[in-house]
Amino acid sequence: MIDYRETLVTLLHSEDRHVAAKTLNISVPSLNYRINQMKKAGVKVPTPPKRRTLDNLMVAQLNSIIKKYKTSEAN
């Protein structure tokens, strides 16, 4: 059986619950159950951050990379 400490550390180091469940070799519902058990016991399990969407700065940076690529390709 997987230790609660291992579950929490894996969850904190994973991109999302699907990745954590796969790493722990358990199903996502099993992971969710363990997380809920920890929360009921008083563990302040953090909610995962929202996936970052493309903001204006990132779009500008990506377009700059494309422009440089096209310029170097033309030479």
PDB file of N, CA and C in Angstrom:
ATOM      1  N   MET A   1       0.840  -1.187   0.000  1.00  0.00           N
ATOM      2  CA  MET A   1       0.000   0.000   0.000  1.00  0.00           C
ATOM      3  C   MET A   1       0.878   1.240   0.000  1.00  0.00           C
ATOM      4  N   ILE A   2       0.425   2.244  -0.701  1.00  0.00           N
ATOM      5  CA  ILE A   2       1.199   3.476  -0.847  1.00  0.00           C
ATOM      6  C   ILE A   2       1.012   4.354   0.392  1.00  0.00           C
ATOM      7  N   ASP A   3       2.107   4.826   0.897  1.00  0.00           N
ATOM      8  CA  ASP A   3       2.141   5.689   2.068  1.00  0.00           C
ATOM      9  C   ASP A   3       1.539   7.060   1.714  1.00  0.00           C
ATOM     10  N   TYR A   4       0.858   7.682   2.665  1.00  0.00           N
ATOM     11  CA  TYR A   4       0.285   9.010   2.427  1.00  0.00           C
ATOM     12  C   TYR A   4       1.364  10.045   2.139  1.00  0.00           C
ATOM     13  N   ARG A   5       2.532   9.899   2.769  1.00  0.00           N
ATOM     14  CA  ARG A   5       3.626  10.837   2.491  1.00  0.00           C
ATOM     15  C   ARG A   5       4.071  10.729   1.044  1.00  0.00           C
ATOM     16  N   GLU A   6       4.205   9.494   0.567  1.00  0.00           N
ATOM     17  CA  GLU A   6       4.602   9.275  -0.820  1.00  0.00           C
ATOM     18  C   GLU A   6       3.545   9.847  -1.767  1.00  0.00           C
ATOM     19  N   THR A   7       2.287   9.651  -1.421  1.00  0.00           N
ATOM     20  CA  THR A   7       1.198  10.182  -2.244  1.00  0.00           C
ATOM     21  C   THR A   7       1.303  11.696  -2.335  1.00  0.00           C
ATOM     22  N   LEU A   8       1.481  12.363  -1.206  1.00  0.00           N
ATOM     23  CA  LEU A   8       1.536  13.823  -1.186  1.00  0.00           C
ATOM     24  C   LEU A   8       2.755  14.354  -1.936  1.00  0.00           C
ATOM     25  N   VAL A   9       3.911  13.764  -1.689  1.00  0.00           N
ATOM     26  CA  VAL A   9       5.130  14.230  -2.367  1.00  0.00           C
ATOM     27  C   VAL A   9       5.006  14.031  -3.879  1.00  0.00           C
ATOM     28  N   THR A  10       4.487  12.895  -4.292  1.00  0.00           N
ATOM     29  CA  THR A  10       4.307  12.646  -5.724  1.00  0.00           C
ATOM     30  C   THR A  10       3.327  13.639  -6.315  1.00  0.00           C
ATOM     31  N   LEU A  11       2.239  13.903  -5.617  1.00  0.00           N
ATOM     32  CA  LEU A  11       1.249  14.871  -6.093  1.00  0.00           C
ATOM     33  C   LEU A  11       1.868  16.260  -6.246  1.00  0.00           C
ATOM     34  N   LEU A  12       2.671  16.664  -5.265  1.00  0.00           N
ATOM     35  CA  LEU A  12       3.289  17.992  -5.314  1.00  0.00           C
ATOM     36  C   LEU A  12       4.315  18.124  -6.440  1.00  0.00           C
ATOM     37  N   HIS A  13       4.919  17.015  -6.841  1.00  0.00           N
ATOM     38  CA  HIS A  13       5.924  17.058  -7.892  1.00  0.00           C
ATOM     39  C   HIS A  13       5.369  16.737  -9.281  1.00  0.00           C
ATOM     40  N   SER A  14       4.091  16.476  -9.371  1.00  0.00           N
ATOM     41  CA  SER A  14       3.492  16.094 -10.648  1.00  0.00           C
ATOM     42  C   SER A  14       2.766  17.265 -11.300  1.00  0.00           C
ATOM     43  N   GLU A  15       2.674  17.183 -12.593  1.00  0.00           N
ATOM     44  CA  GLU A  15       1.991  18.219 -13.372  1.00  0.00           C
ATOM     45  C   GLU A  15       0.503  18.267 -13.049  1.00  0.00           C
ATOM     46  N   ASP A  16      -0.106  17.114 -12.878  1.00  0.00           N
ATOM     47  CA  ASP A  16      -1.520  17.042 -12.532  1.00  0.00           C
ATOM     48  C   ASP A  16      -1.816  15.694 -11.881  1.00  0.00           C
ATOM     49  N   ARG A  17      -3.072  15.487 -11.525  1.00  0.00           N
ATOM     50  CA  ARG A  17      -3.440  14.259 -10.817  1.00  0.00           C
ATOM     51  C   ARG A  17      -3.296  13.017 -11.684  1.00  0.00           C
ATOM     52  N   HIS A  18      -3.503  13.169 -12.981  1.00  0.00           N
ATOM     53  CA  HIS A  18      -3.357  12.019 -13.872  1.00  0.00           C
ATOM     54  C   HIS A  18      -1.916  11.516 -13.875  1.00  0.00           C
ATOM     55  N   VAL A  19      -0.982  12.447 -13.924  1.00  0.00           N
ATOM     56  CA  VAL A  19       0.437  12.090 -13.903  1.00  0.00           C
ATOM     57  C   VAL A  19       0.798  11.476 -12.553  1.00  0.00           C
ATOM     58  N   ALA A  20       0.300  12.071 -11.482  1.00  0.00           N
ATOM     59  CA  ALA A  20       0.591  11.543 -10.141  1.00  0.00           C
ATOM     60  C   ALA A  20       0.053  10.127  -9.985  1.00  0.00           C
ATOM     61  N   ALA A  21      -1.176   9.903 -10.445  1.00  0.00           N
ATOM     62  CA  ALA A  21      -1.770   8.562 -10.342  1.00  0.00           C
ATOM     63  C   ALA A  21      -0.954   7.550 -11.125  1.00  0.00           C
ATOM     64  N   LYS A  22      -0.531   7.935 -12.323  1.00  0.00           N
ATOM     65  CA  LYS A  22       0.268   7.027 -13.152  1.00  0.00           C
ATOM     66  C   LYS A  22       1.603   6.716 -12.469  1.00  0.00           C
ATOM     67  N   THR A  23       2.233   7.738 -11.892  1.00  0.00           N
ATOM     68  CA  THR A  23       3.500   7.552 -11.189  1.00  0.00           C
ATOM     69  C   THR A  23       3.338   6.607 -10.009  1.00  0.00           C
ATOM     70  N   LEU A  24       2.218   6.758  -9.292  1.00  0.00           N
ATOM     71  CA  LEU A  24       1.957   5.916  -8.125  1.00  0.00           C
ATOM     72  C   LEU A  24       1.382   4.554  -8.507  1.00  0.00           C
ATOM     73  N   ASN A  25       1.084   4.389  -9.794  1.00  0.00           N
ATOM     74  CA  ASN A  25       0.514   3.144 -10.315  1.00  0.00           C
ATOM     75  C   ASN A  25      -0.849   2.829  -9.678  1.00  0.00           C
ATOM     76  N   ILE A  26      -1.663   3.902  -9.543  1.00  0.00           N
ATOM     77  CA  ILE A  26      -3.031   3.750  -9.055  1.00  0.00           C
ATOM     78  C   ILE A  26      -3.956   4.517  -9.994  1.00  0.00           C
ATOM     79  N   SER A  27      -5.249   4.318  -9.851  1.00  0.00           N
ATOM     80  CA  SER A  27      -6.203   5.035 -10.691  1.00  0.00           C
ATOM     81  C   SER A  27      -6.407   6.451 -10.159  1.00  0.00           C
ATOM     82  N   VAL A  28      -6.897   7.330 -11.020  1.00  0.00           N
ATOM     83  CA  VAL A  28      -7.189   8.703 -10.604  1.00  0.00           C
ATOM     84  C   VAL A  28      -8.255   8.720  -9.503  1.00  0.00           C
ATOM     85  N   PRO A  29      -9.332   7.912  -9.616  1.00  0.00           N
ATOM     86  CA  PRO A  29     -10.299   7.890  -8.506  1.00  0.00           C
ATOM     87  C   PRO A  29      -9.673   7.451  -7.179  1.00  0.00           C
ATOM     88  N   SER A  30      -8.743   6.508  -7.217  1.00  0.00           N
ATOM     89  CA  SER A  30      -8.060   6.085  -5.989  1.00  0.00           C
ATOM     90  C   SER A  30      -7.223   7.224  -5.417  1.00  0.00           C
ATOM     91  N   LEU A  31      -6.553   7.951  -6.295  1.00  0.00           N
ATOM     92  CA  LEU A  31      -5.763   9.100  -5.852  1.00  0.00           C
ATOM     93  C   LEU A  31      -6.684  10.160  -5.248  1.00  0.00           C
ATOM     94  N   ASN A  32      -7.791  10.440  -5.915  1.00  0.00           N
ATOM     95  CA  ASN A  32      -8.736  11.430  -5.399  1.00  0.00           C
ATOM     96  C   ASN A  32      -9.260  11.016  -4.025  1.00  0.00           C
ATOM     97  N   TYR A  33      -9.524   9.738  -3.841  1.00  0.00           N
ATOM     98  CA  TYR A  33      -9.989   9.230  -2.557  1.00  0.00           C
ATOM     99  C   TYR A  33      -8.936   9.488  -1.474  1.00  0.00           C
ATOM    100  N   ARG A  34      -7.683   9.187  -1.794  1.00  0.00           N
ATOM    101  CA  ARG A  34      -6.597   9.390  -0.821  1.00  0.00           C
ATOM    102  C   ARG A  34      -6.454  10.876  -0.490  1.00  0.00           C
ATOM    103  N   ILE A  35      -6.562  11.727  -1.502  1.00  0.00           N
ATOM    104  CA  ILE A  35      -6.464  13.172  -1.275  1.00  0.00           C
ATOM    105  C   ILE A  35      -7.606  13.637  -0.368  1.00  0.00           C
ATOM    106  N   ASN A  36      -8.811  13.156  -0.650  1.00  0.00           N
ATOM    107  CA  ASN A  36      -9.954  13.529   0.188  1.00  0.00           C
ATOM    108  C   ASN A  36      -9.785  13.047   1.622  1.00  0.00           C
ATOM    109  N   GLN A  37      -9.219  11.859   1.802  1.00  0.00           N
ATOM    110  CA  GLN A  37      -8.962  11.346   3.145  1.00  0.00           C
ATOM    111  C   GLN A  37      -7.967  12.245   3.880  1.00  0.00           C
ATOM    112  N   MET A  38      -6.934  12.681   3.179  1.00  0.00           N
ATOM    113  CA  MET A  38      -5.954  13.574   3.799  1.00  0.00           C
ATOM    114  C   MET A  38      -6.610  14.904   4.177  1.00  0.00           C
ATOM    115  N   LYS A  39      -7.437  15.434   3.273  1.00  0.00           N
ATOM    116  CA  LYS A  39      -8.111  16.706   3.551  1.00  0.00           C
ATOM    117  C   LYS A  39      -9.038  16.579   4.756  1.00  0.00           C
ATOM    118  N   LYS A  40      -9.784  15.473   4.836  1.00  0.00           N
ATOM    119  CA  LYS A  40     -10.684  15.254   5.977  1.00  0.00           C
ATOM    120  C   LYS A  40      -9.901  15.186   7.289  1.00  0.00           C
ATOM    121  N   ALA A  41      -8.684  14.663   7.229  1.00  0.00           N
ATOM    122  CA  ALA A  41      -7.843  14.548   8.422  1.00  0.00           C
ATOM    123  C   ALA A  41      -7.200  15.883   8.801  1.00  0.00           C
ATOM    124  N   GLY A  42      -7.313  16.875   7.924  1.00  0.00           N
ATOM    125  CA  GLY A  42      -6.764  18.191   8.229  1.00  0.00           C
ATOM    126  C   GLY A  42      -5.538  18.588   7.436  1.00  0.00           C
ATOM    127  N   VAL A  43      -5.096  17.733   6.517  1.00  0.00           N
ATOM    128  CA  VAL A  43      -3.936  18.067   5.687  1.00  0.00           C
ATOM    129  C   VAL A  43      -4.372  19.124   4.674  1.00  0.00           C
ATOM    130  N   LYS A  44      -3.614  20.189   4.584  1.00  0.00           N
ATOM    131  CA  LYS A  44      -3.943  21.275   3.664  1.00  0.00           C
ATOM    132  C   LYS A  44      -3.341  20.989   2.286  1.00  0.00           C
ATOM    133  N   VAL A  45      -3.927  20.026   1.605  1.00  0.00           N
ATOM    134  CA  VAL A  45      -3.446  19.639   0.275  1.00  0.00           C
ATOM    135  C   VAL A  45      -3.715  20.803  -0.670  1.00  0.00           C
ATOM    136  N   PRO A  46      -2.666  21.347  -1.298  1.00  0.00           N
ATOM    137  CA  PRO A  46      -2.885  22.493  -2.184  1.00  0.00           C
ATOM    138  C   PRO A  46      -3.616  22.091  -3.461  1.00  0.00           C
ATOM    139  N   THR A  47      -4.414  23.013  -3.952  1.00  0.00           N
ATOM    140  CA  THR A  47      -5.062  22.771  -5.237  1.00  0.00           C
ATOM    141  C   THR A  47      -4.029  23.069  -6.318  1.00  0.00           C
ATOM    142  N   PRO A  48      -4.037  22.283  -7.366  1.00  0.00           N
ATOM    143  CA  PRO A  48      -3.039  22.502  -8.410  1.00  0.00           C
ATOM    144  C   PRO A  48      -3.260  23.851  -9.088  1.00  0.00           C
ATOM    145  N   PRO A  49      -2.169  24.464  -9.527  1.00  0.00           N
ATOM    146  CA  PRO A  49      -2.317  25.747 -10.216  1.00  0.00           C
ATOM    147  C   PRO A  49      -3.055  25.550 -11.535  1.00  0.00           C
ATOM    148  N   LYS A  50      -3.739  26.587 -11.954  1.00  0.00           N
ATOM    149  CA  LYS A  50      -4.420  26.553 -13.245  1.00  0.00           C
ATOM    150  C   LYS A  50      -3.365  26.448 -14.332  1.00  0.00           C
ATOM    151  N   ARG A  51      -3.710  25.724 -15.358  1.00  0.00           N
ATOM    152  CA  ARG A  51      -2.766  25.645 -16.483  1.00  0.00           C
ATOM    153  C   ARG A  51      -2.601  27.030 -17.089  1.00  0.00           C
ATOM    154  N   ARG A  52      -1.385  27.372 -17.364  1.00  0.00           N
ATOM    155  CA  ARG A  52      -1.085  28.695 -17.889  1.00  0.00           C
ATOM    156  C   ARG A  52      -1.524  28.791 -19.343  1.00  0.00           C
ATOM    157  N   THR A  53      -2.242  29.828 -19.626  1.00  0.00           N
ATOM    158  CA  THR A  53      -2.651  30.064 -21.008  1.00  0.00           C
ATOM    159  C   THR A  53      -1.667  31.041 -21.643  1.00  0.00           C
ATOM    160  N   LEU A  54      -1.734  31.151 -22.917  1.00  0.00           N
ATOM    161  CA  LEU A  54      -0.851  32.083 -23.604  1.00  0.00           C
ATOM    162  C   LEU A  54      -1.279  33.511 -23.302  1.00  0.00           C
ATOM    163  N   ASP A  55      -0.363  34.279 -22.726  1.00  0.00           N
ATOM    164  CA  ASP A  55      -0.658  35.684 -22.493  1.00  0.00           C
ATOM    165  C   ASP A  55      -0.008  36.500 -23.609  1.00  0.00           C
ATOM    166  N   ASN A  56      -0.282  37.785 -23.612  1.00  0.00           N
ATOM    167  CA  ASN A  56       0.206  38.643 -24.696  1.00  0.00           C
ATOM    168  C   ASN A  56       1.718  38.643 -24.811  1.00  0.00           C
ATOM    169  N   LEU A  57       2.410  38.647 -23.674  1.00  0.00           N
ATOM    170  CA  LEU A  57       3.874  38.640 -23.701  1.00  0.00           C
ATOM    171  C   LEU A  57       4.399  37.361 -24.326  1.00  0.00           C
ATOM    172  N   MET A  58       3.820  36.222 -23.936  1.00  0.00           N
ATOM    173  CA  MET A  58       4.273  34.949 -24.484  1.00  0.00           C
ATOM    174  C   MET A  58       4.001  34.879 -25.988  1.00  0.00           C
ATOM    175  N   VAL A  59       2.859  35.376 -26.413  1.00  0.00           N
ATOM    176  CA  VAL A  59       2.529  35.381 -27.845  1.00  0.00           C
ATOM    177  C   VAL A  59       3.553  36.231 -28.594  1.00  0.00           C
ATOM    178  N   ALA A  60       3.891  37.387 -28.051  1.00  0.00           N
ATOM    179  CA  ALA A  60       4.884  38.252 -28.689  1.00  0.00           C
ATOM    180  C   ALA A  60       6.241  37.561 -28.777  1.00  0.00           C
ATOM    181  N   GLN A  61       6.630  36.853 -27.714  1.00  0.00           N
ATOM    182  CA  GLN A  61       7.902  36.133 -27.721  1.00  0.00           C
ATOM    183  C   GLN A  61       7.900  35.012 -28.759  1.00  0.00           C
ATOM    184  N   LEU A  62       6.804  34.280 -28.845  1.00  0.00           N
ATOM    185  CA  LEU A  62       6.711  33.193 -29.821  1.00  0.00           C
ATOM    186  C   LEU A  62       6.751  33.730 -31.243  1.00  0.00           C
ATOM    187  N   ASN A  63       6.065  34.844 -31.485  1.00  0.00           N
ATOM    188  CA  ASN A  63       6.094  35.450 -32.818  1.00  0.00           C
ATOM    189  C   ASN A  63       7.485  35.956 -33.157  1.00  0.00           C
ATOM    190  N   SER A  64       8.218  36.444 -32.150  1.00  0.00           N
ATOM    191  CA  SER A  64       9.583  36.897 -32.359  1.00  0.00           C
ATOM    192  C   SER A  64      10.485  35.721 -32.756  1.00  0.00           C
ATOM    193  N   ILE A  65      10.294  34.595 -32.124  1.00  0.00           N
ATOM    194  CA  ILE A  65      11.064  33.395 -32.480  1.00  0.00           C
ATOM    195  C   ILE A  65      10.778  32.990 -33.922  1.00  0.00           C
ATOM    196  N   ILE A  66       9.514  33.013 -34.314  1.00  0.00           N
ATOM    197  CA  ILE A  66       9.145  32.656 -35.686  1.00  0.00           C
ATOM    198  C   ILE A  66       9.783  33.617 -36.674  1.00  0.00           C
ATOM    199  N   LYS A  67       9.748  34.903 -36.356  1.00  0.00           N
ATOM    200  CA  LYS A  67      10.329  35.917 -37.247  1.00  0.00           C
ATOM    201  C   LYS A  67      11.826  35.688 -37.414  1.00  0.00           C
ATOM    202  N   LYS A  68      12.536  35.391 -36.301  1.00  0.00           N
ATOM    203  CA  LYS A  68      13.974  35.124 -36.370  1.00  0.00           C
ATOM    204  C   LYS A  68      14.248  33.863 -37.182  1.00  0.00           C
ATOM    205  N   TYR A  69      13.399  32.853 -36.997  1.00  0.00           N
ATOM    206  CA  TYR A  69      13.572  31.599 -37.736  1.00  0.00           C
ATOM    207  C   TYR A  69      13.412  31.833 -39.230  1.00  0.00           C
ATOM    208  N   LYS A  70      12.388  32.589 -39.605  1.00  0.00           N
ATOM    209  CA  LYS A  70      12.148  32.869 -41.040  1.00  0.00           C
ATOM    210  C   LYS A  70      13.287  33.681 -41.626  1.00  0.00           C
ATOM    211  N   THR A  71      13.819  34.626 -40.838  1.00  0.00           N
ATOM    212  CA  THR A  71      14.937  35.468 -41.301  1.00  0.00           C
ATOM    213  C   THR A  71      16.182  34.614 -41.509  1.00  0.00           C
ATOM    214  N   SER A  72      16.488  33.735 -40.567  1.00  0.00           N
ATOM    215  CA  SER A  72      17.687  32.919 -40.693  1.00  0.00           C
ATOM    216  C   SER A  72      17.517  31.867 -41.797  1.00  0.00           C
ATOM    217  N   GLU A  73      16.292  31.425 -42.030  1.00  0.00           N
ATOM    218  CA  GLU A  73      16.016  30.455 -43.081  1.00  0.00           C
ATOM    219  C   GLU A  73      16.182  31.078 -44.468  1.00  0.00           C
ATOM    220  N   ALA A  74      15.861  32.379 -44.579  1.00  0.00           N
ATOM    221  CA  ALA A  74      15.958  33.067 -45.850  1.00  0.00           C
ATOM    222  C   ALA A  74      17.410  33.319 -46.251  1.00  0.00           C
ATOM    223  N   ASN A  75      18.314  33.363 -45.270  1.00  0.00           N
ATOM    224  CA  ASN A  75      19.740  33.630 -45.565  1.00  0.00           C
ATOM    225  C   ASN A  75      20.441  32.412 -45.982  1.00  0.00           C
TER     226      ASN A  75
END
